Amino acid sequence: MAKSNTIQVKMVSTANTGYFYVKFRNPKSMNEKLELKKYDPKVRKHVIFKEQKIK
């Protein structure tokens, strides 16, 4: 069976709350790191989430 092209990445809040989302991305088609504006329920605002590698 073929290997999947997608990898899991952890999207960590820049508000330093420790809140994170887990996303899938294809490293072959998207070379740059993800940076998304999403909702952080701990600060009750939309903040920027940056990609980190899952350990």
PDB file of N, CA and C in Angstrom:
ATOM      1  N   MET A   1       0.834  -1.172   0.000  1.00  0.00           N
ATOM      2  CA  MET A   1       0.000   0.000   0.000  1.00  0.00           C
ATOM      3  C   MET A   1       0.889   1.249   0.000  1.00  0.00           C
ATOM      4  N   ALA A   2       0.467   2.261  -0.705  1.00  0.00           N
ATOM      5  CA  ALA A   2       1.263   3.478  -0.845  1.00  0.00           C
ATOM      6  C   ALA A   2       1.243   4.309   0.430  1.00  0.00           C
ATOM      7  N   LYS A   3       2.332   5.032   0.635  1.00  0.00           N
ATOM      8  CA  LYS A   3       2.436   5.925   1.782  1.00  0.00           C
ATOM      9  C   LYS A   3       1.689   7.217   1.510  1.00  0.00           C
ATOM     10  N   SER A   4       1.105   7.795   2.535  1.00  0.00           N
ATOM     11  CA  SER A   4       0.373   9.043   2.394  1.00  0.00           C
ATOM     12  C   SER A   4       1.347  10.214   2.244  1.00  0.00           C
ATOM     13  N   ASN A   5       0.970  11.216   1.454  1.00  0.00           N
ATOM     14  CA  ASN A   5       1.812  12.395   1.263  1.00  0.00           C
ATOM     15  C   ASN A   5       1.652  13.408   2.379  1.00  0.00           C
ATOM     16  N   THR A   6       0.582  13.324   3.151  1.00  0.00           N
ATOM     17  CA  THR A   6       0.306  14.343   4.158  1.00  0.00           C
ATOM     18  C   THR A   6       0.993  14.011   5.483  1.00  0.00           C
ATOM     19  N   ILE A   7       1.362  15.067   6.197  1.00  0.00           N
ATOM     20  CA  ILE A   7       1.922  14.916   7.541  1.00  0.00           C
ATOM     21  C   ILE A   7       1.078  15.737   8.509  1.00  0.00           C
ATOM     22  N   GLN A   8       1.106  15.355   9.776  1.00  0.00           N
ATOM     23  CA  GLN A   8       0.390  16.105  10.800  1.00  0.00           C
ATOM     24  C   GLN A   8       1.307  17.183  11.355  1.00  0.00           C
ATOM     25  N   VAL A   9       0.771  18.376  11.538  1.00  0.00           N
ATOM     26  CA  VAL A   9       1.523  19.455  12.165  1.00  0.00           C
ATOM     27  C   VAL A   9       0.684  20.049  13.289  1.00  0.00           C
ATOM     28  N   LYS A  10       1.358  20.589  14.268  1.00  0.00           N
ATOM     29  CA  LYS A  10       0.709  21.189  15.434  1.00  0.00           C
ATOM     30  C   LYS A  10       0.693  22.695  15.235  1.00  0.00           C
ATOM     31  N   MET A  11      -0.486  23.301  15.311  1.00  0.00           N
ATOM     32  CA  MET A  11      -0.636  24.747  15.175  1.00  0.00           C
ATOM     33  C   MET A  11      -0.743  25.330  16.583  1.00  0.00           C
ATOM     34  N   VAL A  12       0.301  26.051  17.024  1.00  0.00           N
ATOM     35  CA  VAL A  12       0.390  26.555  18.393  1.00  0.00           C
ATOM     36  C   VAL A  12       0.033  28.039  18.426  1.00  0.00           C
ATOM     37  N   SER A  13      -0.740  28.436  19.420  1.00  0.00           N
ATOM     38  CA  SER A  13      -1.186  29.819  19.574  1.00  0.00           C
ATOM     39  C   SER A  13      -0.010  30.739  19.893  1.00  0.00           C
ATOM     40  N   THR A  14      -0.009  31.928  19.285  1.00  0.00           N
ATOM     41  CA  THR A  14       1.030  32.919  19.573  1.00  0.00           C
ATOM     42  C   THR A  14       0.692  33.737  20.818  1.00  0.00           C
ATOM     43  N   ALA A  15      -0.479  33.488  21.417  1.00  0.00           N
ATOM     44  CA  ALA A  15      -0.859  34.186  22.647  1.00  0.00           C
ATOM     45  C   ALA A  15      -0.270  33.505  23.887  1.00  0.00           C
ATOM     46  N   ASN A  16       0.559  32.461  23.681  1.00  0.00           N
ATOM     47  CA  ASN A  16       1.235  31.728  24.764  1.00  0.00           C
ATOM     48  C   ASN A  16       0.268  31.149  25.794  1.00  0.00           C
ATOM     49  N   THR A  17      -0.855  30.620  25.315  1.00  0.00           N
ATOM     50  CA  THR A  17      -1.819  29.983  26.211  1.00  0.00           C
ATOM     51  C   THR A  17      -1.628  28.476  26.263  1.00  0.00           C
ATOM     52  N   GLY A  18      -0.869  27.919  25.317  1.00  0.00           N
ATOM     53  CA  GLY A  18      -0.674  26.481  25.266  1.00  0.00           C
ATOM     54  C   GLY A  18      -1.728  25.775  24.439  1.00  0.00           C
ATOM     55  N   TYR A  19      -2.691  26.519  23.926  1.00  0.00           N
ATOM     56  CA  TYR A  19      -3.750  25.936  23.102  1.00  0.00           C
ATOM     57  C   TYR A  19      -3.209  25.647  21.711  1.00  0.00           C
ATOM     58  N   PHE A  20      -3.633  24.518  21.113  1.00  0.00           N
ATOM     59  CA  PHE A  20      -3.159  24.166  19.779  1.00  0.00           C
ATOM     60  C   PHE A  20      -4.214  23.412  18.995  1.00  0.00           C
ATOM     61  N   TYR A  21      -4.083  23.464  17.678  1.00  0.00           N
ATOM     62  CA  TYR A  21      -4.876  22.669  16.741  1.00  0.00           C
ATOM     63  C   TYR A  21      -3.935  21.695  16.055  1.00  0.00           C
ATOM     64  N   VAL A  22      -4.473  20.595  15.537  1.00  0.00           N
ATOM     65  CA  VAL A  22      -3.688  19.662  14.736  1.00  0.00           C
ATOM     66  C   VAL A  22      -4.233  19.704  13.317  1.00  0.00           C
ATOM     67  N   LYS A  23      -3.342  19.940  12.351  1.00  0.00           N
ATOM     68  CA  LYS A  23      -3.724  20.041  10.943  1.00  0.00           C
ATOM     69  C   LYS A  23      -2.901  19.061  10.126  1.00  0.00           C
ATOM     70  N   PHE A  24      -3.401  18.735   8.944  1.00  0.00           N
ATOM     71  CA  PHE A  24      -2.666  17.946   7.970  1.00  0.00           C
ATOM     72  C   PHE A  24      -2.198  18.864   6.860  1.00  0.00           C
ATOM     73  N   ARG A  25      -0.993  18.607   6.346  1.00  0.00           N
ATOM     74  CA  ARG A  25      -0.530  19.373   5.201  1.00  0.00           C
ATOM     75  C   ARG A  25       0.376  18.501   4.343  1.00  0.00           C
ATOM     76  N   ASN A  26       0.425  18.835   3.064  1.00  0.00           N
ATOM     77  CA  ASN A  26       1.256  18.124   2.112  1.00  0.00           C
ATOM     78  C   ASN A  26       2.563  18.899   1.953  1.00  0.00           C
ATOM     79  N   PRO A  27       3.690  18.364   2.431  1.00  0.00           N
ATOM     80  CA  PRO A  27       4.947  19.109   2.359  1.00  0.00           C
ATOM     81  C   PRO A  27       5.488  19.263   0.943  1.00  0.00           C
ATOM     82  N   LYS A  28       5.031  18.434   0.014  1.00  0.00           N
ATOM     83  CA  LYS A  28       5.505  18.545  -1.366  1.00  0.00           C
ATOM     84  C   LYS A  28       4.879  19.733  -2.086  1.00  0.00           C
ATOM     85  N   SER A  29       3.623  20.027  -1.800  1.00  0.00           N
ATOM     86  CA  SER A  29       2.949  21.131  -2.486  1.00  0.00           C
ATOM     87  C   SER A  29       3.043  22.441  -1.703  1.00  0.00           C
ATOM     88  N   MET A  30       3.229  22.370  -0.381  1.00  0.00           N
ATOM     89  CA  MET A  30       3.335  23.572   0.458  1.00  0.00           C
ATOM     90  C   MET A  30       4.694  23.566   1.143  1.00  0.00           C
ATOM     91  N   ASN A  31       5.631  24.332   0.623  1.00  0.00           N
ATOM     92  CA  ASN A  31       6.981  24.329   1.174  1.00  0.00           C
ATOM     93  C   ASN A  31       7.126  25.210   2.404  1.00  0.00           C
ATOM     94  N   GLU A  32       6.378  26.320   2.467  1.00  0.00           N
ATOM     95  CA  GLU A  32       6.497  27.232   3.597  1.00  0.00           C
ATOM     96  C   GLU A  32       5.659  26.732   4.781  1.00  0.00           C
ATOM     97  N   LYS A  33       5.984  27.241   5.962  1.00  0.00           N
ATOM     98  CA  LYS A  33       5.254  26.843   7.167  1.00  0.00           C
ATOM     99  C   LYS A  33       3.889  27.522   7.215  1.00  0.00           C
ATOM    100  N   LEU A  34       2.927  26.830   7.801  1.00  0.00           N
ATOM    101  CA  LEU A  34       1.573  27.369   7.908  1.00  0.00           C
ATOM    102  C   LEU A  34       1.497  28.448   8.976  1.00  0.00           C
ATOM    103  N   GLU A  35       0.656  29.427   8.722  1.00  0.00           N
ATOM    104  CA  GLU A  35       0.369  30.485   9.683  1.00  0.00           C
ATOM    105  C   GLU A  35      -1.089  30.871   9.465  1.00  0.00           C
ATOM    106  N   LEU A  36      -1.949  30.519  10.413  1.00  0.00           N
ATOM    107  CA  LEU A  36      -3.382  30.730  10.265  1.00  0.00           C
ATOM    108  C   LEU A  36      -3.929  31.562  11.419  1.00  0.00           C
ATOM    109  N   LYS A  37      -4.973  32.322  11.133  1.00  0.00           N
ATOM    110  CA  LYS A  37      -5.662  33.071  12.173  1.00  0.00           C
ATOM    111  C   LYS A  37      -6.883  32.250  12.589  1.00  0.00           C
ATOM    112  N   LYS A  38      -6.845  31.754  13.830  1.00  0.00           N
ATOM    113  CA  LYS A  38      -7.921  30.905  14.337  1.00  0.00           C
ATOM    114  C   LYS A  38      -8.312  31.370  15.736  1.00  0.00           C
ATOM    115  N   TYR A  39      -9.392  30.787  16.243  1.00  0.00           N
ATOM    116  CA  TYR A  39      -9.946  31.173  17.545  1.00  0.00           C
ATOM    117  C   TYR A  39      -9.210  30.464  18.679  1.00  0.00           C
ATOM    118  N   ASP A  40      -8.802  31.222  19.676  1.00  0.00           N
ATOM    119  CA  ASP A  40      -8.198  30.678  20.888  1.00  0.00           C
ATOM    120  C   ASP A  40      -9.195  30.874  22.030  1.00  0.00           C
ATOM    121  N   PRO A  41      -9.815  29.806  22.527  1.00  0.00           N
ATOM    122  CA  PRO A  41     -10.852  29.946  23.551  1.00  0.00           C
ATOM    123  C   PRO A  41     -10.331  30.418  24.917  1.00  0.00           C
ATOM    124  N   LYS A  42      -9.038  30.263  25.174  1.00  0.00           N
ATOM    125  CA  LYS A  42      -8.507  30.702  26.468  1.00  0.00           C
ATOM    126  C   LYS A  42      -8.445  32.217  26.579  1.00  0.00           C
ATOM    127  N   VAL A  43      -8.172  32.913  25.465  1.00  0.00           N
ATOM    128  CA  VAL A  43      -8.169  34.382  25.487  1.00  0.00           C
ATOM    129  C   VAL A  43      -9.426  34.944  24.844  1.00  0.00           C
ATOM    130  N   ARG A  44     -10.266  34.056  24.301  1.00  0.00           N
ATOM    131  CA  ARG A  44     -11.534  34.400  23.656  1.00  0.00           C
ATOM    132  C   ARG A  44     -11.342  35.421  22.532  1.00  0.00           C
ATOM    133  N   LYS A  45     -10.342  35.180  21.697  1.00  0.00           N
ATOM    134  CA  LYS A  45     -10.045  36.032  20.548  1.00  0.00           C
ATOM    135  C   LYS A  45      -9.526  35.180  19.403  1.00  0.00           C
ATOM    136  N   HIS A  46      -9.513  35.766  18.210  1.00  0.00           N
ATOM    137  CA  HIS A  46      -8.830  35.163  17.082  1.00  0.00           C
ATOM    138  C   HIS A  46      -7.378  35.631  17.117  1.00  0.00           C
ATOM    139  N   VAL A  47      -6.457  34.684  17.131  1.00  0.00           N
ATOM    140  CA  VAL A  47      -5.029  35.003  17.143  1.00  0.00           C
ATOM    141  C   VAL A  47      -4.335  34.186  16.059  1.00  0.00           C
ATOM    142  N   ILE A  48      -3.087  34.516  15.792  1.00  0.00           N
ATOM    143  CA  ILE A  48      -2.316  33.779  14.789  1.00  0.00           C
ATOM    144  C   ILE A  48      -1.760  32.506  15.419  1.00  0.00           C
ATOM    145  N   PHE A  49      -1.913  31.404  14.688  1.00  0.00           N
ATOM    146  CA  PHE A  49      -1.365  30.118  15.099  1.00  0.00           C
ATOM    147  C   PHE A  49      -0.247  29.765  14.130  1.00  0.00           C
ATOM    148  N   LYS A  50       0.912  29.355  14.664  1.00  0.00           N
ATOM    149  CA  LYS A  50       2.072  29.006  13.847  1.00  0.00           C
ATOM    150  C   LYS A  50       2.342  27.522  13.932  1.00  0.00           C
ATOM    151  N   GLU A  51       2.897  27.002  12.848  1.00  0.00           N
ATOM    152  CA  GLU A  51       3.156  25.570  12.739  1.00  0.00           C
ATOM    153  C   GLU A  51       4.365  25.157  13.565  1.00  0.00           C
ATOM    154  N   GLN A  52       4.222  24.000  14.244  1.00  0.00           N
ATOM    155  CA  GLN A  52       5.321  23.341  14.924  1.00  0.00           C
ATOM    156  C   GLN A  52       5.270  21.869  14.585  1.00  0.00           C
ATOM    157  N   LYS A  53       6.381  21.210  14.688  1.00  0.00           N
ATOM    158  CA  LYS A  53       6.437  19.786  14.420  1.00  0.00           C
ATOM    159  C   LYS A  53       5.874  19.014  15.615  1.00  0.00           C
ATOM    160  N   ILE A  54       5.142  17.943  15.363  1.00  0.00           N
ATOM    161  CA  ILE A  54       4.625  17.098  16.441  1.00  0.00           C
ATOM    162  C   ILE A  54       5.745  16.180  16.892  1.00  0.00           C
ATOM    163  N   LYS A  55       5.979  16.134  18.190  1.00  0.00           N
ATOM    164  CA  LYS A  55       7.068  15.308  18.733  1.00  0.00           C
ATOM    165  C   LYS A  55       6.595  13.905  19.015  1.00  0.00           C
TER     166      LYS A  55
END
